[in-house]
PDB file of N, CA and C in Angstrom:
ATOM      1  N   MET A   1      -4.392 -39.905 -14.282  1.00  0.00           N
ATOM      2  CA  MET A   1      -3.623 -38.679 -14.346  1.00  0.00           C
ATOM      3  C   MET A   1      -4.467 -37.541 -14.909  1.00  0.00           C
ATOM      4  N   LYS A   2      -5.294 -37.794 -15.906  1.00  0.00           N
ATOM      5  CA  LYS A   2      -6.111 -36.752 -16.505  1.00  0.00           C
ATOM      6  C   LYS A   2      -7.106 -36.161 -15.513  1.00  0.00           C
ATOM      7  N   PRO A   3      -7.774 -36.996 -14.687  1.00  0.00           N
ATOM      8  CA  PRO A   3      -8.691 -36.379 -13.712  1.00  0.00           C
ATOM      9  C   PRO A   3      -7.966 -35.463 -12.729  1.00  0.00           C
ATOM     10  N   LEU A   4      -6.763 -35.831 -12.370  1.00  0.00           N
ATOM     11  CA  LEU A   4      -5.983 -34.998 -11.454  1.00  0.00           C
ATOM     12  C   LEU A   4      -5.657 -33.654 -12.093  1.00  0.00           C
ATOM     13  N   LEU A   5      -5.254 -33.657 -13.345  1.00  0.00           N
ATOM     14  CA  LEU A   5      -4.929 -32.411 -14.048  1.00  0.00           C
ATOM     15  C   LEU A   5      -6.173 -31.546 -14.248  1.00  0.00           C
ATOM     16  N   ARG A   6      -7.306 -32.181 -14.552  1.00  0.00           N
ATOM     17  CA  ARG A   6      -8.548 -31.419 -14.713  1.00  0.00           C
ATOM     18  C   ARG A   6      -8.975 -30.775 -13.405  1.00  0.00           C
ATOM     19  N   ARG A   7      -8.865 -31.531 -12.333  1.00  0.00           N
ATOM     20  CA  ARG A   7      -9.228 -30.994 -11.022  1.00  0.00           C
ATOM     21  C   ARG A   7      -8.300 -29.841 -10.635  1.00  0.00           C
ATOM     22  N   PHE A   8      -7.001 -29.993 -10.928  1.00  0.00           N
ATOM     23  CA  PHE A   8      -6.035 -28.941 -10.628  1.00  0.00           C
ATOM     24  C   PHE A   8      -6.335 -27.680 -11.444  1.00  0.00           C
ATOM     25  N   ALA A   9      -6.681 -27.835 -12.718  1.00  0.00           N
ATOM     26  CA  ALA A   9      -6.978 -26.692 -13.584  1.00  0.00           C
ATOM     27  C   ALA A   9      -8.265 -25.990 -13.169  1.00  0.00           C
ATOM     28  N   ALA A  10      -9.214 -26.741 -12.606  1.00  0.00           N
ATOM     29  CA  ALA A  10     -10.498 -26.157 -12.213  1.00  0.00           C
ATOM     30  C   ALA A  10     -10.449 -25.526 -10.823  1.00  0.00           C
ATOM     31  N   ASP A  11      -9.424 -25.819 -10.051  1.00  0.00           N
ATOM     32  CA  ASP A  11      -9.325 -25.303  -8.687  1.00  0.00           C
ATOM     33  C   ASP A  11      -8.986 -23.816  -8.723  1.00  0.00           C
ATOM     34  N   GLU A  12      -9.833 -22.987  -8.131  1.00  0.00           N
ATOM     35  CA  GLU A  12      -9.627 -21.541  -8.130  1.00  0.00           C
ATOM     36  C   GLU A  12      -9.333 -20.982  -6.741  1.00  0.00           C
ATOM     37  N   SER A  13      -9.140 -21.811  -5.763  1.00  0.00           N
ATOM     38  CA  SER A  13      -8.923 -21.319  -4.396  1.00  0.00           C
ATOM     39  C   SER A  13      -7.610 -20.544  -4.283  1.00  0.00           C
ATOM     40  N   GLY A  14      -6.596 -20.950  -4.995  1.00  0.00           N
ATOM     41  CA  GLY A  14      -5.326 -20.226  -4.965  1.00  0.00           C
ATOM     42  C   GLY A  14      -5.415 -18.878  -5.651  1.00  0.00           C
ATOM     43  N   ALA A  15      -6.228 -18.803  -6.689  1.00  0.00           N
ATOM     44  CA  ALA A  15      -6.389 -17.542  -7.415  1.00  0.00           C
ATOM     45  C   ALA A  15      -7.008 -16.476  -6.520  1.00  0.00           C
ATOM     46  N   THR A  16      -7.963 -16.875  -5.699  1.00  0.00           N
ATOM     47  CA  THR A  16      -8.593 -15.919  -4.788  1.00  0.00           C
ATOM     48  C   THR A  16      -7.579 -15.378  -3.785  1.00  0.00           C
ATOM     49  N   ALA A  17      -6.743 -16.249  -3.257  1.00  0.00           N
ATOM     50  CA  ALA A  17      -5.725 -15.811  -2.297  1.00  0.00           C
ATOM     51  C   ALA A  17      -4.753 -14.835  -2.960  1.00  0.00           C
ATOM     52  N   ILE A  18      -4.385 -15.104  -4.193  1.00  0.00           N
ATOM     53  CA  ILE A  18      -3.470 -14.207  -4.903  1.00  0.00           C
ATOM     54  C   ILE A  18      -4.135 -12.860  -5.158  1.00  0.00           C
ATOM     55  N   GLU A  19      -5.406 -12.872  -5.504  1.00  0.00           N
ATOM     56  CA  GLU A  19      -6.122 -11.613  -5.727  1.00  0.00           C
ATOM     57  C   GLU A  19      -6.171 -10.781  -4.451  1.00  0.00           C
ATOM     58  N   TYR A  20      -6.460 -11.418  -3.322  1.00  0.00           N
ATOM     59  CA  TYR A  20      -6.478 -10.685  -2.056  1.00  0.00           C
ATOM     60  C   TYR A  20      -5.087 -10.159  -1.703  1.00  0.00           C
ATOM     61  N   ALA A  21      -4.059 -10.912  -2.001  1.00  0.00           N
ATOM     62  CA  ALA A  21      -2.698 -10.455  -1.727  1.00  0.00           C
ATOM     63  C   ALA A  21      -2.359  -9.237  -2.587  1.00  0.00           C
ATOM     64  N   LEU A  22      -2.773  -9.249  -3.851  1.00  0.00           N
ATOM     65  CA  LEU A  22      -2.521  -8.099  -4.719  1.00  0.00           C
ATOM     66  C   LEU A  22      -3.283  -6.861  -4.251  1.00  0.00           C
ATOM     67  N   ILE A  23      -4.519  -7.043  -3.847  1.00  0.00           N
ATOM     68  CA  ILE A  23      -5.308  -5.918  -3.335  1.00  0.00           C
ATOM     69  C   ILE A  23      -4.662  -5.358  -2.074  1.00  0.00           C
ATOM     70  N   GLY A  24      -4.236  -6.249  -1.178  1.00  0.00           N
ATOM     71  CA  GLY A  24      -3.567  -5.805   0.042  1.00  0.00           C
ATOM     72  C   GLY A  24      -2.283  -5.048  -0.250  1.00  0.00           C
ATOM     73  N   THR A  25      -1.541  -5.507  -1.233  1.00  0.00           N
ATOM     74  CA  THR A  25      -0.301  -4.828  -1.614  1.00  0.00           C
ATOM     75  C   THR A  25      -0.593  -3.442  -2.170  1.00  0.00           C
ATOM     76  N   LEU A  26      -1.594  -3.342  -3.031  1.00  0.00           N
ATOM     77  CA  LEU A  26      -1.949  -2.031  -3.589  1.00  0.00           C
ATOM     78  C   LEU A  26      -2.409  -1.062  -2.510  1.00  0.00           C
ATOM     79  N   VAL A  27      -3.193  -1.546  -1.565  1.00  0.00           N
ATOM     80  CA  VAL A  27      -3.646  -0.693  -0.467  1.00  0.00           C
ATOM     81  C   VAL A  27      -2.451  -0.249   0.372  1.00  0.00           C
ATOM     82  N   SER A  28      -1.524  -1.150   0.641  1.00  0.00           N
ATOM     83  CA  SER A  28      -0.337  -0.801   1.429  1.00  0.00           C
ATOM     84  C   SER A  28       0.517   0.254   0.729  1.00  0.00           C
ATOM     85  N   VAL A  29       0.683   0.107  -0.568  1.00  0.00           N
ATOM     86  CA  VAL A  29       1.460   1.093  -1.324  1.00  0.00           C
ATOM     87  C   VAL A  29       0.769   2.454  -1.308  1.00  0.00           C
ATOM     88  N   ALA A  30      -0.555   2.456  -1.461  1.00  0.00           N
ATOM     89  CA  ALA A  30      -1.305   3.713  -1.428  1.00  0.00           C
ATOM     90  C   ALA A  30      -1.170   4.393  -0.068  1.00  0.00           C
ATOM     91  N   ILE A  31      -1.256   3.622   1.005  1.00  0.00           N
ATOM     92  CA  ILE A  31      -1.116   4.193   2.353  1.00  0.00           C
ATOM     93  C   ILE A  31       0.292   4.739   2.555  1.00  0.00           C
ATOM     94  N   ALA A  32       1.298   4.024   2.087  1.00  0.00           N
ATOM     95  CA  ALA A  32       2.679   4.490   2.228  1.00  0.00           C
ATOM     96  C   ALA A  32       2.904   5.788   1.457  1.00  0.00           C
ATOM     97  N   MET A  33       2.354   5.874   0.265  1.00  0.00           N
ATOM     98  CA  MET A  33       2.494   7.102  -0.520  1.00  0.00           C
ATOM     99  C   MET A  33       1.766   8.258   0.159  1.00  0.00           C
ATOM    100  N   TRP A  34       0.581   8.014   0.668  1.00  0.00           N
ATOM    101  CA  TRP A  34      -0.188   9.046   1.357  1.00  0.00           C
ATOM    102  C   TRP A  34       0.566   9.524   2.598  1.00  0.00           C
ATOM    103  N   ALA A  35       1.131   8.596   3.353  1.00  0.00           N
ATOM    104  CA  ALA A  35       1.870   8.965   4.561  1.00  0.00           C
ATOM    105  C   ALA A  35       3.101   9.793   4.220  1.00  0.00           C
ATOM    106  N   GLU A  36       3.751   9.473   3.115  1.00  0.00           N
ATOM    107  CA  GLU A  36       4.929  10.243   2.714  1.00  0.00           C
ATOM    108  C   GLU A  36       4.553  11.668   2.345  1.00  0.00           C
ATOM    109  N   VAL A  37       3.472  11.840   1.608  1.00  0.00           N
ATOM    110  CA  VAL A  37       3.027  13.177   1.210  1.00  0.00           C
ATOM    111  C   VAL A  37       2.623  13.987   2.435  1.00  0.00           C
ATOM    112  N   ILE A  38       1.842  13.382   3.325  1.00  0.00           N
ATOM    113  CA  ILE A  38       1.405  14.081   4.543  1.00  0.00           C
ATOM    114  C   ILE A  38       2.617  14.424   5.410  1.00  0.00           C
ATOM    115  N   GLY A  39       3.561  13.496   5.524  1.00  0.00           N
ATOM    116  CA  GLY A  39       4.768  13.762   6.310  1.00  0.00           C
ATOM    117  C   GLY A  39       5.575  14.913   5.753  1.00  0.00           C
ATOM    118  N   PHE A  40       5.689  14.972   4.437  1.00  0.00           N
ATOM    119  CA  PHE A  40       6.426  16.064   3.795  1.00  0.00           C
ATOM    120  C   PHE A  40       5.741  17.397   4.061  1.00  0.00           C
ATOM    121  N   LYS A  41       4.425  17.429   3.942  1.00  0.00           N
ATOM    122  CA  LYS A  41       3.686  18.672   4.185  1.00  0.00           C
ATOM    123  C   LYS A  41       3.798  19.094   5.653  1.00  0.00           C
ATOM    124  N   LEU A  42       3.687  18.144   6.565  1.00  0.00           N
ATOM    125  CA  LEU A  42       3.815  18.474   7.989  1.00  0.00           C
ATOM    126  C   LEU A  42       5.215  18.997   8.306  1.00  0.00           C
ATOM    127  N   ASN A  43       6.215  18.382   7.717  1.00  0.00           N
ATOM    128  CA  ASN A  43       7.584  18.840   7.943  1.00  0.00           C
ATOM    129  C   ASN A  43       7.749  20.280   7.471  1.00  0.00           C
ATOM    130  N   ASN A  44       7.190  20.613   6.321  1.00  0.00           N
ATOM    131  CA  ASN A  44       7.269  21.990   5.824  1.00  0.00           C
ATOM    132  C   ASN A  44       6.540  22.961   6.747  1.00  0.00           C
ATOM    133  N   GLU A  45       5.376  22.567   7.233  1.00  0.00           N
ATOM    134  CA  GLU A  45       4.617  23.440   8.142  1.00  0.00           C
ATOM    135  C   GLU A  45       5.399  23.700   9.429  1.00  0.00           C
ATOM    136  N   PHE A  46       5.950  22.651  10.023  1.00  0.00           N
ATOM    137  CA  PHE A  46       6.709  22.834  11.262  1.00  0.00           C
ATOM    138  C   PHE A  46       7.978  23.640  11.028  1.00  0.00           C
ATOM    139  N   THR A  47       8.599  23.481   9.875  1.00  0.00           N
ATOM    140  CA  THR A  47       9.779  24.284   9.548  1.00  0.00           C
ATOM    141  C   THR A  47       9.403  25.754   9.422  1.00  0.00           C
ATOM    142  N   ASP A  48       8.287  26.032   8.766  1.00  0.00           N
ATOM    143  CA  ASP A  48       7.827  27.418   8.637  1.00  0.00           C
ATOM    144  C   ASP A  48       7.525  28.025  10.000  1.00  0.00           C
ATOM    145  N   ILE A  49       6.848  27.278  10.849  1.00  0.00           N
ATOM    146  CA  ILE A  49       6.514  27.773  12.192  1.00  0.00           C
ATOM    147  C   ILE A  49       7.791  28.036  12.978  1.00  0.00           C
ATOM    148  N   SER A  50       8.735  27.110  12.908  1.00  0.00           N
ATOM    149  CA  SER A  50      10.002  27.270  13.621  1.00  0.00           C
ATOM    150  C   SER A  50      10.754  28.498  13.122  1.00  0.00           C
ATOM    151  N   THR A  51      10.760  28.729  11.829  1.00  0.00           N
ATOM    152  CA  THR A  51      11.436  29.890  11.254  1.00  0.00           C
ATOM    153  C   THR A  51      10.783  31.188  11.713  1.00  0.00           C
ATOM    154  N   LYS A  52       9.467  31.207  11.787  1.00  0.00           N
ATOM    155  CA  LYS A  52       8.758  32.404  12.245  1.00  0.00           C
ATOM    156  C   LYS A  52       9.057  32.709  13.707  1.00  0.00           C
ATOM    157  N   PHE A  53       9.169  31.682  14.544  1.00  0.00           N
ATOM    158  CA  PHE A  53       9.482  31.908  15.948  1.00  0.00           C
ATOM    159  C   PHE A  53      10.922  32.411  16.119  1.00  0.00           C
ATOM    160  N   ARG A  54      11.833  31.907  15.314  1.00  0.00           N
ATOM    161  CA  ARG A  54      13.230  32.320  15.420  1.00  0.00           C
ATOM    162  C   ARG A  54      13.443  33.743  14.920  1.00  0.00           C
ATOM    163  N   SER A  55      12.651  34.183  13.953  1.00  0.00           N
ATOM    164  CA  SER A  55      12.870  35.510  13.393  1.00  0.00           C
ATOM    165  C   SER A  55      12.319  36.607  14.299  1.00  0.00           C
ATOM    166  N   ASN A  56      11.461  36.245  15.252  1.00  0.00           N
ATOM    167  CA  ASN A  56      10.900  37.263  16.168  1.00  0.00           C
ATOM    168  C   ASN A  56      11.800  37.553  17.303  1.00  0.00           C
TER     169      ASN A  56
END
């Protein structure tokens, strides 16, 4: 039983997968936040353009 527990404690293959999953999650959140900011700015620009065309 002790060799099994030692081998399990020394195994780091799962830790690497978790690290990659965390990095992927952080990148996804950053992209989502960036897309939201860009979308908000684009929406404001198109609204301004539309307002200028309507006022003429």
